[in-house]
Amino acid sequence: MKSYLARQMDDKSRRERAEKDLNNEQAVMWKKDRELYEVEEDRLKSKISGINRDNASFLDRQMADKKLRNSNMGMNKYEKQYNN
Protein backbone atom coordinates (compact mmCIF):
# COMPACT_ATOMS: atom_id res chain seq x y z
CA MET A 1 0.00 0.00 0.00
CA LYS A 2 2.85 2.39 0.86
CA SER A 3 4.52 1.71 -2.47
CA TYR A 4 1.22 2.38 -4.28
CA LEU A 5 0.80 5.71 -2.47
CA ALA A 6 4.44 6.63 -3.12
CA ARG A 7 3.96 5.84 -6.82
CA GLN A 8 0.81 7.99 -6.90
CA MET A 9 2.69 10.87 -5.27
CA ASP A 10 5.54 10.51 -7.76
CA ASP A 11 3.08 10.48 -10.67
CA LYS A 12 1.36 13.57 -9.35
CA SER A 13 4.70 15.34 -8.92
CA ARG A 14 5.72 14.43 -12.50
CA ARG A 15 2.39 15.70 -13.87
CA GLU A 16 2.73 18.94 -11.92
CA ARG A 17 6.32 19.42 -13.17
CA ALA A 18 5.24 18.69 -16.74
CA GLU A 19 2.37 21.16 -16.46
CA LYS A 20 4.68 23.79 -14.96
CA ASP A 21 7.23 23.23 -17.74
CA LEU A 22 4.49 23.55 -20.35
CA ASN A 23 3.27 26.79 -18.75
CA ASN A 24 6.81 28.17 -18.72
CA GLU A 25 7.28 27.20 -22.37
CA GLN A 26 3.99 28.91 -23.27
CA ALA A 27 5.06 32.04 -21.37
CA VAL A 28 8.34 32.15 -23.31
CA MET A 29 6.45 31.79 -26.61
CA TRP A 30 4.06 34.60 -25.65
CA LYS A 31 6.98 36.82 -24.67
CA LYS A 32 8.73 36.23 -28.00
CA ASP A 33 5.47 36.83 -29.84
CA ARG A 34 4.96 40.13 -28.01
CA GLU A 35 8.54 41.21 -28.77
CA LEU A 36 8.09 40.41 -32.47
CA TYR A 37 4.79 42.29 -32.49
CA GLU A 38 6.42 45.36 -30.92
CA VAL A 39 9.29 45.28 -33.42
CA GLU A 40 6.83 45.06 -36.32
CA GLU A 41 4.67 47.86 -34.89
CA ASP A 42 7.73 50.11 -34.53
CA ARG A 43 8.76 49.33 -38.11
CA LEU A 44 5.28 50.15 -39.40
CA LYS A 45 5.08 53.39 -37.40
CA SER A 46 8.46 54.43 -38.77
CA LYS A 47 7.44 53.58 -42.33
CA ILE A 48 4.13 55.45 -42.03
CA SER A 49 5.91 58.45 -40.51
CA GLY A 50 8.36 58.49 -43.42
CA ILE A 51 5.55 58.28 -45.96
CA ASN A 52 3.72 61.13 -44.22
CA ARG A 53 6.88 63.27 -44.26
CA ASP A 54 7.38 62.54 -47.96
CA ASN A 55 3.77 63.43 -48.72
CA ALA A 56 3.99 66.67 -46.75
CA SER A 57 7.19 67.60 -48.56
CA PHE A 58 5.59 66.83 -51.92
CA LEU A 59 2.56 68.99 -51.08
CA ASP A 60 4.79 71.83 -49.90
CA ARG A 61 6.69 71.69 -53.21
CA GLN A 62 3.42 71.71 -55.14
CA MET A 63 2.18 74.77 -53.27
CA ALA A 64 5.51 76.58 -53.79
CA ASP A 65 5.46 75.72 -57.51
CA LYS A 66 1.89 76.96 -57.84
CA LYS A 67 2.73 80.18 -56.03
CA LEU A 68 5.75 80.68 -58.30
CA ARG A 69 3.70 80.02 -61.43
CA ASN A 70 0.99 82.43 -60.28
CA SER A 71 3.50 85.17 -59.54
CA ASN A 72 5.21 84.73 -62.94
CA MET A 73 2.09 84.55 -65.09
CA GLY A 74 1.76 88.30 -65.36
CA MET A 75 -1.88 88.37 -64.38
CA ASN A 76 -3.47 91.70 -63.82
CA LYS A 77 -4.86 92.48 -60.38
CA TYR A 78 -8.41 91.39 -61.33
CA GLU A 79 -7.21 87.98 -62.54
CA LYS A 80 -5.19 87.53 -59.37
CA GLN A 81 -8.21 88.43 -57.23
CA TYR A 82 -10.34 85.97 -59.16
CA ASN A 83 -7.81 83.13 -58.78
CA ASN A 84 -7.20 83.68 -55.06
PDB file of N, CA and C in Angstrom:
ATOM      1  N   MET A   1       0.814  -1.188   0.000  1.00  0.00           N
ATOM      2  CA  MET A   1       0.000   0.000   0.000  1.00  0.00           C
ATOM      3  C   MET A   1       0.864   1.260   0.000  1.00  0.00           C
ATOM      4  N   LYS A   2       1.954   1.236   0.797  1.00  0.00           N
ATOM      5  CA  LYS A   2       2.847   2.394   0.855  1.00  0.00           C
ATOM      6  C   LYS A   2       3.485   2.630  -0.507  1.00  0.00           C
ATOM      7  N   SER A   3       3.888   1.568  -1.158  1.00  0.00           N
ATOM      8  CA  SER A   3       4.525   1.715  -2.470  1.00  0.00           C
ATOM      9  C   SER A   3       3.524   2.282  -3.479  1.00  0.00           C
ATOM     10  N   TYR A   4       2.270   1.868  -3.384  1.00  0.00           N
ATOM     11  CA  TYR A   4       1.225   2.382  -4.278  1.00  0.00           C
ATOM     12  C   TYR A   4       1.026   3.883  -4.047  1.00  0.00           C
ATOM     13  N   LEU A   5       0.958   4.291  -2.785  1.00  0.00           N
ATOM     14  CA  LEU A   5       0.802   5.711  -2.467  1.00  0.00           C
ATOM     15  C   LEU A   5       2.030   6.515  -2.899  1.00  0.00           C
ATOM     16  N   ALA A   6       3.208   5.948  -2.701  1.00  0.00           N
ATOM     17  CA  ALA A   6       4.440   6.625  -3.115  1.00  0.00           C
ATOM     18  C   ALA A   6       4.452   6.799  -4.631  1.00  0.00           C
ATOM     19  N   ARG A   7       4.011   5.762  -5.358  1.00  0.00           N
ATOM     20  CA  ARG A   7       3.959   5.835  -6.820  1.00  0.00           C
ATOM     21  C   ARG A   7       2.949   6.894  -7.255  1.00  0.00           C
ATOM     22  N   GLN A   8       1.807   6.975  -6.585  1.00  0.00           N
ATOM     23  CA  GLN A   8       0.812   7.995  -6.900  1.00  0.00           C
ATOM     24  C   GLN A   8       1.377   9.399  -6.665  1.00  0.00           C
ATOM     25  N   MET A   9       2.098   9.570  -5.557  1.00  0.00           N
ATOM     26  CA  MET A   9       2.691  10.872  -5.268  1.00  0.00           C
ATOM     27  C   MET A   9       3.736  11.245  -6.313  1.00  0.00           C
ATOM     28  N   ASP A  10       4.536  10.259  -6.722  1.00  0.00           N
ATOM     29  CA  ASP A  10       5.539  10.509  -7.763  1.00  0.00           C
ATOM     30  C   ASP A  10       4.863  10.887  -9.083  1.00  0.00           C
ATOM     31  N   ASP A  11       3.810  10.168  -9.438  1.00  0.00           N
ATOM     32  CA  ASP A  11       3.077  10.479 -10.672  1.00  0.00           C
ATOM     33  C   ASP A  11       2.499  11.895 -10.621  1.00  0.00           C
ATOM     34  N   LYS A  12       1.932  12.231  -9.491  1.00  0.00           N
ATOM     35  CA  LYS A  12       1.355  13.566  -9.348  1.00  0.00           C
ATOM     36  C   LYS A  12       2.446  14.627  -9.464  1.00  0.00           C
ATOM     37  N   SER A  13       3.583  14.393  -8.844  1.00  0.00           N
ATOM     38  CA  SER A  13       4.703  15.340  -8.919  1.00  0.00           C
ATOM     39  C   SER A  13       5.187  15.499 -10.355  1.00  0.00           C
ATOM     40  N   ARG A  14       5.300  14.377 -11.087  1.00  0.00           N
ATOM     41  CA  ARG A  14       5.722  14.432 -12.503  1.00  0.00           C
ATOM     42  C   ARG A  14       4.719  15.219 -13.338  1.00  0.00           C
ATOM     43  N   ARG A  15       3.423  14.967 -13.121  1.00  0.00           N
ATOM     44  CA  ARG A  15       2.395  15.703 -13.871  1.00  0.00           C
ATOM     45  C   ARG A  15       2.457  17.194 -13.574  1.00  0.00           C
ATOM     46  N   GLU A  16       2.640  17.531 -12.302  1.00  0.00           N
ATOM     47  CA  GLU A  16       2.730  18.944 -11.925  1.00  0.00           C
ATOM     48  C   GLU A  16       3.954  19.602 -12.551  1.00  0.00           C
ATOM     49  N   ARG A  17       5.108  18.886 -12.543  1.00  0.00           N
ATOM     50  CA  ARG A  17       6.318  19.420 -13.166  1.00  0.00           C
ATOM     51  C   ARG A  17       6.118  19.601 -14.669  1.00  0.00           C
ATOM     52  N   ALA A  18       5.491  18.604 -15.299  1.00  0.00           N
ATOM     53  CA  ALA A  18       5.244  18.688 -16.744  1.00  0.00           C
ATOM     54  C   ALA A  18       4.322  19.863 -17.057  1.00  0.00           C
ATOM     55  N   GLU A  19       3.295  20.049 -16.249  1.00  0.00           N
ATOM     56  CA  GLU A  19       2.372  21.163 -16.461  1.00  0.00           C
ATOM     57  C   GLU A  19       3.085  22.505 -16.253  1.00  0.00           C
ATOM     58  N   LYS A  20       3.922  22.569 -15.222  1.00  0.00           N
ATOM     59  CA  LYS A  20       4.676  23.792 -14.957  1.00  0.00           C
ATOM     60  C   LYS A  20       5.639  24.076 -16.107  1.00  0.00           C
ATOM     61  N   ASP A  21       6.325  23.061 -16.603  1.00  0.00           N
ATOM     62  CA  ASP A  21       7.235  23.231 -17.741  1.00  0.00           C
ATOM     63  C   ASP A  21       6.479  23.714 -18.977  1.00  0.00           C
ATOM     64  N   LEU A  22       5.309  23.141 -19.206  1.00  0.00           N
ATOM     65  CA  LEU A  22       4.493  23.547 -20.345  1.00  0.00           C
ATOM     66  C   LEU A  22       4.050  25.005 -20.208  1.00  0.00           C
ATOM     67  N   ASN A  23       3.655  25.395 -18.994  1.00  0.00           N
ATOM     68  CA  ASN A  23       3.269  26.787 -18.754  1.00  0.00           C
ATOM     69  C   ASN A  23       4.440  27.741 -18.985  1.00  0.00           C
ATOM     70  N   ASN A  24       5.620  27.339 -18.523  1.00  0.00           N
ATOM     71  CA  ASN A  24       6.810  28.167 -18.724  1.00  0.00           C
ATOM     72  C   ASN A  24       7.133  28.291 -20.216  1.00  0.00           C
ATOM     73  N   GLU A  25       7.028  27.191 -20.933  1.00  0.00           N
ATOM     74  CA  GLU A  25       7.279  27.203 -22.372  1.00  0.00           C
ATOM     75  C   GLU A  25       6.281  28.120 -23.085  1.00  0.00           C
ATOM     76  N   GLN A  26       5.026  28.052 -22.687  1.00  0.00           N
ATOM     77  CA  GLN A  26       3.991  28.909 -23.275  1.00  0.00           C
ATOM     78  C   GLN A  26       4.288  30.379 -22.974  1.00  0.00           C
ATOM     79  N   ALA A  27       4.732  30.666 -21.747  1.00  0.00           N
ATOM     80  CA  ALA A  27       5.063  32.040 -21.368  1.00  0.00           C
ATOM     81  C   ALA A  27       6.218  32.569 -22.219  1.00  0.00           C
ATOM     82  N   VAL A  28       7.202  31.744 -22.468  1.00  0.00           N
ATOM     83  CA  VAL A  28       8.338  32.145 -23.308  1.00  0.00           C
ATOM     84  C   VAL A  28       7.856  32.427 -24.733  1.00  0.00           C
ATOM     85  N   MET A  29       6.987  31.579 -25.253  1.00  0.00           N
ATOM     86  CA  MET A  29       6.454  31.791 -26.608  1.00  0.00           C
ATOM     87  C   MET A  29       5.658  33.087 -26.671  1.00  0.00           C
ATOM     88  N   TRP A  30       4.850  33.367 -25.669  1.00  0.00           N
ATOM     89  CA  TRP A  30       4.057  34.603 -25.650  1.00  0.00           C
ATOM     90  C   TRP A  30       4.973  35.829 -25.583  1.00  0.00           C
ATOM     91  N   LYS A  31       6.041  35.712 -24.789  1.00  0.00           N
ATOM     92  CA  LYS A  31       6.982  36.824 -24.666  1.00  0.00           C
ATOM     93  C   LYS A  31       7.657  37.100 -26.008  1.00  0.00           C
ATOM     94  N   LYS A  32       8.103  36.053 -26.686  1.00  0.00           N
ATOM     95  CA  LYS A  32       8.727  36.229 -27.998  1.00  0.00           C
ATOM     96  C   LYS A  32       7.733  36.816 -28.994  1.00  0.00           C
ATOM     97  N   ASP A  33       6.514  36.329 -28.940  1.00  0.00           N
ATOM     98  CA  ASP A  33       5.469  36.828 -29.838  1.00  0.00           C
ATOM     99  C   ASP A  33       5.222  38.314 -29.601  1.00  0.00           C
ATOM    100  N   ARG A  34       5.153  38.710 -28.344  1.00  0.00           N
ATOM    101  CA  ARG A  34       4.958  40.125 -28.011  1.00  0.00           C
ATOM    102  C   ARG A  34       6.123  40.973 -28.504  1.00  0.00           C
ATOM    103  N   GLU A  35       7.351  40.474 -28.325  1.00  0.00           N
ATOM    104  CA  GLU A  35       8.536  41.212 -28.772  1.00  0.00           C
ATOM    105  C   GLU A  35       8.519  41.378 -30.295  1.00  0.00           C
ATOM    106  N   LEU A  36       8.176  40.324 -31.009  1.00  0.00           N
ATOM    107  CA  LEU A  36       8.094  40.412 -32.472  1.00  0.00           C
ATOM    108  C   LEU A  36       7.007  41.396 -32.893  1.00  0.00           C
ATOM    109  N   TYR A  37       5.883  41.370 -32.191  1.00  0.00           N
ATOM    110  CA  TYR A  37       4.790  42.294 -32.490  1.00  0.00           C
ATOM    111  C   TYR A  37       5.252  43.738 -32.299  1.00  0.00           C
ATOM    112  N   GLU A  38       5.951  44.006 -31.196  1.00  0.00           N
ATOM    113  CA  GLU A  38       6.419  45.361 -30.919  1.00  0.00           C
ATOM    114  C   GLU A  38       7.431  45.826 -31.965  1.00  0.00           C
ATOM    115  N   VAL A  39       8.315  44.936 -32.381  1.00  0.00           N
ATOM    116  CA  VAL A  39       9.291  45.285 -33.422  1.00  0.00           C
ATOM    117  C   VAL A  39       8.565  45.629 -34.715  1.00  0.00           C
ATOM    118  N   GLU A  40       7.583  44.814 -35.087  1.00  0.00           N
ATOM    119  CA  GLU A  40       6.829  45.056 -36.319  1.00  0.00           C
ATOM    120  C   GLU A  40       6.031  46.349 -36.222  1.00  0.00           C
ATOM    121  N   GLU A  41       5.427  46.617 -35.071  1.00  0.00           N
ATOM    122  CA  GLU A  41       4.669  47.861 -34.889  1.00  0.00           C
ATOM    123  C   GLU A  41       5.589  49.077 -35.010  1.00  0.00           C
ATOM    124  N   ASP A  42       6.776  49.005 -34.415  1.00  0.00           N
ATOM    125  CA  ASP A  42       7.735  50.106 -34.526  1.00  0.00           C
ATOM    126  C   ASP A  42       8.155  50.319 -35.973  1.00  0.00           C
ATOM    127  N   ARG A  43       8.374  49.229 -36.701  1.00  0.00           N
ATOM    128  CA  ARG A  43       8.758  49.325 -38.107  1.00  0.00           C
ATOM    129  C   ARG A  43       7.642  49.989 -38.924  1.00  0.00           C
ATOM    130  N   LEU A  44       6.402  49.563 -38.665  1.00  0.00           N
ATOM    131  CA  LEU A  44       5.275  50.150 -39.396  1.00  0.00           C
ATOM    132  C   LEU A  44       5.093  51.625 -39.068  1.00  0.00           C
ATOM    133  N   LYS A  45       5.214  51.980 -37.789  1.00  0.00           N
ATOM    134  CA  LYS A  45       5.084  53.390 -37.400  1.00  0.00           C
ATOM    135  C   LYS A  45       6.146  54.229 -38.092  1.00  0.00           C
ATOM    136  N   SER A  46       7.365  53.716 -38.125  1.00  0.00           N
ATOM    137  CA  SER A  46       8.463  54.433 -38.767  1.00  0.00           C
ATOM    138  C   SER A  46       8.198  54.589 -40.262  1.00  0.00           C
ATOM    139  N   LYS A  47       7.733  53.527 -40.887  1.00  0.00           N
ATOM    140  CA  LYS A  47       7.440  53.577 -42.325  1.00  0.00           C
ATOM    141  C   LYS A  47       6.324  54.571 -42.618  1.00  0.00           C
ATOM    142  N   ILE A  48       5.259  54.532 -41.838  1.00  0.00           N
ATOM    143  CA  ILE A  48       4.129  55.451 -42.031  1.00  0.00           C
ATOM    144  C   ILE A  48       4.579  56.890 -41.806  1.00  0.00           C
ATOM    145  N   SER A  49       5.399  57.114 -40.786  1.00  0.00           N
ATOM    146  CA  SER A  49       5.905  58.453 -40.507  1.00  0.00           C
ATOM    147  C   SER A  49       6.736  58.968 -41.688  1.00  0.00           C
ATOM    148  N   GLY A  50       7.563  58.110 -42.262  1.00  0.00           N
ATOM    149  CA  GLY A  50       8.363  58.493 -43.423  1.00  0.00           C
ATOM    150  C   GLY A  50       7.492  58.825 -44.618  1.00  0.00           C
ATOM    151  N   ILE A  51       6.469  58.021 -44.842  1.00  0.00           N
ATOM    152  CA  ILE A  51       5.547  58.279 -45.956  1.00  0.00           C
ATOM    153  C   ILE A  51       4.827  59.608 -45.743  1.00  0.00           C
ATOM    154  N   ASN A  52       4.390  59.866 -44.519  1.00  0.00           N
ATOM    155  CA  ASN A  52       3.716  61.134 -44.221  1.00  0.00           C
ATOM    156  C   ASN A  52       4.641  62.324 -44.441  1.00  0.00           C
ATOM    157  N   ARG A  53       5.914  62.190 -44.032  1.00  0.00           N
ATOM    158  CA  ARG A  53       6.884  63.266 -44.263  1.00  0.00           C
ATOM    159  C   ARG A  53       7.085  63.503 -45.754  1.00  0.00           C
ATOM    160  N   ASP A  54       7.210  62.414 -46.508  1.00  0.00           N
ATOM    161  CA  ASP A  54       7.384  62.539 -47.961  1.00  0.00           C
ATOM    162  C   ASP A  54       6.174  63.215 -48.596  1.00  0.00           C
ATOM    163  N   ASN A  55       4.982  62.826 -48.174  1.00  0.00           N
ATOM    164  CA  ASN A  55       3.766  63.428 -48.720  1.00  0.00           C
ATOM    165  C   ASN A  55       3.688  64.915 -48.382  1.00  0.00           C
ATOM    166  N   ALA A  56       4.022  65.268 -47.153  1.00  0.00           N
ATOM    167  CA  ALA A  56       3.988  66.675 -46.751  1.00  0.00           C
ATOM    168  C   ALA A  56       4.995  67.479 -47.557  1.00  0.00           C
ATOM    169  N   SER A  57       6.172  66.916 -47.764  1.00  0.00           N
ATOM    170  CA  SER A  57       7.195  67.597 -48.559  1.00  0.00           C
ATOM    171  C   SER A  57       6.717  67.783 -49.999  1.00  0.00           C
ATOM    172  N   PHE A  58       6.117  66.751 -50.556  1.00  0.00           N
ATOM    173  CA  PHE A  58       5.590  66.831 -51.924  1.00  0.00           C
ATOM    174  C   PHE A  58       4.522  67.918 -52.027  1.00  0.00           C
ATOM    175  N   LEU A  59       3.605  67.975 -51.066  1.00  0.00           N
ATOM    176  CA  LEU A  59       2.557  68.990 -51.085  1.00  0.00           C
ATOM    177  C   LEU A  59       3.134  70.390 -50.923  1.00  0.00           C
ATOM    178  N   ASP A  60       4.139  70.524 -50.063  1.00  0.00           N
ATOM    179  CA  ASP A  60       4.793  71.830 -49.902  1.00  0.00           C
ATOM    180  C   ASP A  60       5.426  72.281 -51.212  1.00  0.00           C
ATOM    181  N   ARG A  61       6.093  71.350 -51.915  1.00  0.00           N
ATOM    182  CA  ARG A  61       6.694  71.691 -53.211  1.00  0.00           C
ATOM    183  C   ARG A  61       5.631  72.084 -54.225  1.00  0.00           C
ATOM    184  N   GLN A  62       4.501  71.366 -54.220  1.00  0.00           N
ATOM    185  CA  GLN A  62       3.420  71.706 -55.144  1.00  0.00           C
ATOM    186  C   GLN A  62       2.891  73.109 -54.873  1.00  0.00           C
ATOM    187  N   MET A  63       2.700  73.441 -53.611  1.00  0.00           N
ATOM    188  CA  MET A  63       2.183  74.771 -53.274  1.00  0.00           C
ATOM    189  C   MET A  63       3.195  75.855 -53.663  1.00  0.00           C
ATOM    190  N   ALA A  64       4.479  75.601 -53.423  1.00  0.00           N
ATOM    191  CA  ALA A  64       5.512  76.575 -53.787  1.00  0.00           C
ATOM    192  C   ALA A  64       5.560  76.747 -55.306  1.00  0.00           C
ATOM    193  N   ASP A  65       5.457  75.639 -56.034  1.00  0.00           N
ATOM    194  CA  ASP A  65       5.458  75.719 -57.509  1.00  0.00           C
ATOM    195  C   ASP A  65       4.253  76.502 -58.005  1.00  0.00           C
ATOM    196  N   LYS A  66       3.108  76.251 -57.420  1.00  0.00           N
ATOM    197  CA  LYS A  66       1.893  76.960 -57.842  1.00  0.00           C
ATOM    198  C   LYS A  66       2.021  78.448 -57.556  1.00  0.00           C
ATOM    199  N   LYS A  67       2.552  78.773 -56.380  1.00  0.00           N
ATOM    200  CA  LYS A  67       2.733  80.175 -56.029  1.00  0.00           C
ATOM    201  C   LYS A  67       3.702  80.837 -56.997  1.00  0.00           C
ATOM    202  N   LEU A  68       4.765  80.144 -57.357  1.00  0.00           N
ATOM    203  CA  LEU A  68       5.749  80.679 -58.298  1.00  0.00           C
ATOM    204  C   LEU A  68       5.128  80.879 -59.680  1.00  0.00           C
ATOM    205  N   ARG A  69       4.360  79.899 -60.127  1.00  0.00           N
ATOM    206  CA  ARG A  69       3.697  80.024 -61.434  1.00  0.00           C
ATOM    207  C   ARG A  69       2.731  81.197 -61.433  1.00  0.00           C
ATOM    208  N   ASN A  70       1.960  81.341 -60.362  1.00  0.00           N
ATOM    209  CA  ASN A  70       0.985  82.429 -60.279  1.00  0.00           C
ATOM    210  C   ASN A  70       1.672  83.788 -60.251  1.00  0.00           C
ATOM    211  N   SER A  71       2.809  83.881 -59.612  1.00  0.00           N
ATOM    212  CA  SER A  71       3.495  85.170 -59.542  1.00  0.00           C
ATOM    213  C   SER A  71       4.175  85.500 -60.867  1.00  0.00           C
ATOM    214  N   ASN A  72       4.514  84.494 -61.668  1.00  0.00           N
ATOM    215  CA  ASN A  72       5.205  84.725 -62.938  1.00  0.00           C
ATOM    216  C   ASN A  72       4.265  84.792 -64.138  1.00  0.00           C
ATOM    217  N   MET A  73       3.014  84.600 -63.957  1.00  0.00           N
ATOM    218  CA  MET A  73       2.093  84.549 -65.091  1.00  0.00           C
ATOM    219  C   MET A  73       1.746  85.926 -65.623  1.00  0.00           C
ATOM    220  N   GLY A  74       2.036  86.957 -64.901  1.00  0.00           N
ATOM    221  CA  GLY A  74       1.756  88.299 -65.362  1.00  0.00           C
ATOM    222  C   GLY A  74       0.270  88.622 -65.385  1.00  0.00           C
ATOM    223  N   MET A  75      -0.448  88.077 -64.436  1.00  0.00           N
ATOM    224  CA  MET A  75      -1.880  88.367 -64.381  1.00  0.00           C
ATOM    225  C   MET A  75      -2.088  89.796 -63.885  1.00  0.00           C
ATOM    226  N   ASN A  76      -3.150  90.393 -64.363  1.00  0.00           N
ATOM    227  CA  ASN A  76      -3.475  91.700 -63.817  1.00  0.00           C
ATOM    228  C   ASN A  76      -4.138  91.503 -62.461  1.00  0.00           C
ATOM    229  N   LYS A  77      -4.365  92.591 -61.757  1.00  0.00           N
ATOM    230  CA  LYS A  77      -4.856  92.476 -60.384  1.00  0.00           C
ATOM    231  C   LYS A  77      -6.229  91.825 -60.312  1.00  0.00           C
ATOM    232  N   TYR A  78      -7.064  91.997 -61.337  1.00  0.00           N
ATOM    233  CA  TYR A  78      -8.405  91.393 -61.334  1.00  0.00           C
ATOM    234  C   TYR A  78      -8.323  89.855 -61.503  1.00  0.00           C
ATOM    235  N   GLU A  79      -7.403  89.434 -62.364  1.00  0.00           N
ATOM    236  CA  GLU A  79      -7.209  87.977 -62.537  1.00  0.00           C
ATOM    237  C   GLU A  79      -6.674  87.350 -61.244  1.00  0.00           C
ATOM    238  N   LYS A  80      -5.764  88.053 -60.629  1.00  0.00           N
ATOM    239  CA  LYS A  80      -5.193  87.532 -59.371  1.00  0.00           C
ATOM    240  C   LYS A  80      -6.278  87.440 -58.290  1.00  0.00           C
ATOM    241  N   GLN A  81      -7.122  88.467 -58.214  1.00  0.00           N
ATOM    242  CA  GLN A  81      -8.210  88.434 -57.232  1.00  0.00           C
ATOM    243  C   GLN A  81      -9.149  87.278 -57.516  1.00  0.00           C
ATOM    244  N   TYR A  82      -9.431  87.046 -58.782  1.00  0.00           N
ATOM    245  CA  TYR A  82     -10.335  85.966 -59.161  1.00  0.00           C
ATOM    246  C   TYR A  82      -9.759  84.595 -58.829  1.00  0.00           C
ATOM    247  N   ASN A  83      -8.460  84.422 -59.012  1.00  0.00           N
ATOM    248  CA  ASN A  83      -7.806  83.130 -58.775  1.00  0.00           C
ATOM    249  C   ASN A  83      -7.523  82.870 -57.305  1.00  0.00           C
ATOM    250  N   ASN A  84      -7.468  83.894 -56.491  1.00  0.00           N
ATOM    251  CA  ASN A  84      -7.204  83.683 -55.061  1.00  0.00           C
ATOM    252  C   ASN A  84      -8.505  83.456 -54.391  1.00  0.00           C
TER     253      ASN A  84
END
